[in-house]
Protein backbone atom coordinates (compact mmCIF):
# COMPACT_ATOMS: atom_id res chain seq x y z
CA MET A 1 -8.15 3.37 40.77
CA LEU A 2 -4.57 3.29 39.22
CA ASP A 3 -2.81 4.77 42.14
CA HIS A 4 -1.50 1.55 43.29
CA ALA A 5 -0.78 0.27 39.38
CA ALA A 6 2.77 -1.29 38.54
CA VAL A 7 4.05 -2.84 35.85
CA VAL A 8 6.78 -5.49 36.15
CA TYR A 9 8.58 -6.85 32.96
CA GLY A 10 11.82 -8.48 32.21
CA TYR A 11 13.55 -10.96 30.03
CA PHE A 12 13.86 -14.59 30.50
CA PRO A 13 16.29 -16.98 28.49
CA ALA A 14 13.83 -19.07 26.36
CA VAL A 15 14.02 -21.44 23.54
CA SER A 16 10.87 -22.94 21.61
CA GLU A 17 10.31 -26.48 20.51
CA GLY A 18 7.04 -26.83 18.27
CA ASP A 19 4.19 -24.74 19.71
CA ASP A 20 6.04 -24.99 23.25
CA VAL A 21 8.03 -22.05 24.82
CA ILE A 22 10.59 -23.34 27.26
CA LEU A 23 12.09 -21.08 30.01
CA LEU A 24 15.52 -21.48 30.99
CA GLU A 25 17.59 -21.28 33.91
CA GLU A 26 20.43 -19.66 32.31
CA PRO A 27 20.95 -17.93 28.50
CA ARG A 28 22.33 -21.03 27.28
CA PRO A 29 20.38 -23.70 24.90
CA GLU A 30 21.53 -26.47 27.10
CA ALA A 31 20.70 -24.94 30.22
CA ASN A 32 18.11 -26.64 32.22
CA GLU A 33 14.44 -26.17 32.00
CA ILE A 34 12.58 -24.26 34.33
CA ALA A 35 9.10 -24.33 32.72
CA ARG A 36 7.40 -25.48 29.36
CA ILE A 37 4.40 -23.47 28.11
CA HIS A 38 2.12 -24.81 25.51
CA PHE A 39 0.62 -22.40 23.18
CA PRO A 40 -2.22 -23.09 20.41
CA ARG A 41 -2.07 -21.98 16.91
CA GLN A 42 -4.13 -19.64 15.29
CA GLN A 43 -7.27 -21.39 13.62
CA ARG A 44 -7.14 -19.30 10.19
CA GLY A 45 -4.96 -16.86 8.54
CA LYS A 46 -1.44 -17.51 8.91
CA PHE A 47 -1.69 -20.36 11.62
CA LEU A 48 0.80 -18.76 13.78
CA CYS A 49 1.84 -19.61 17.16
CA ILE A 50 3.77 -17.30 20.05
CA ALA A 51 6.56 -20.04 19.73
CA ASP A 52 7.03 -18.92 16.12
CA PHE A 53 8.69 -15.77 17.22
CA ILE A 54 11.26 -17.41 19.89
CA ARG A 55 14.16 -19.00 18.20
CA SER A 56 14.28 -22.67 18.27
CA ARG A 57 16.38 -24.76 20.37
CA GLU A 58 18.09 -26.58 17.42
CA LEU A 59 18.98 -23.01 15.65
CA ALA A 60 20.15 -21.66 19.18
CA GLU A 61 22.31 -24.89 19.47
CA LYS A 62 24.21 -24.33 15.93
CA THR A 63 24.33 -20.55 16.32
CA GLY A 64 25.44 -20.43 19.87
């Protein structure tokens, strides 16, 4: 069953805005947006969202 299994992974330049993760064309915060993915927040506990673990566009622009 797993004879043909494969894994593909990579890194994509991304920033966050609110609950959205934005994929960028280039690793610059002002680069063109390729896609925007909205992630829901947890309903209890720390109320985290995947976007909380990606540098915000605002912070990326400040720090370069």
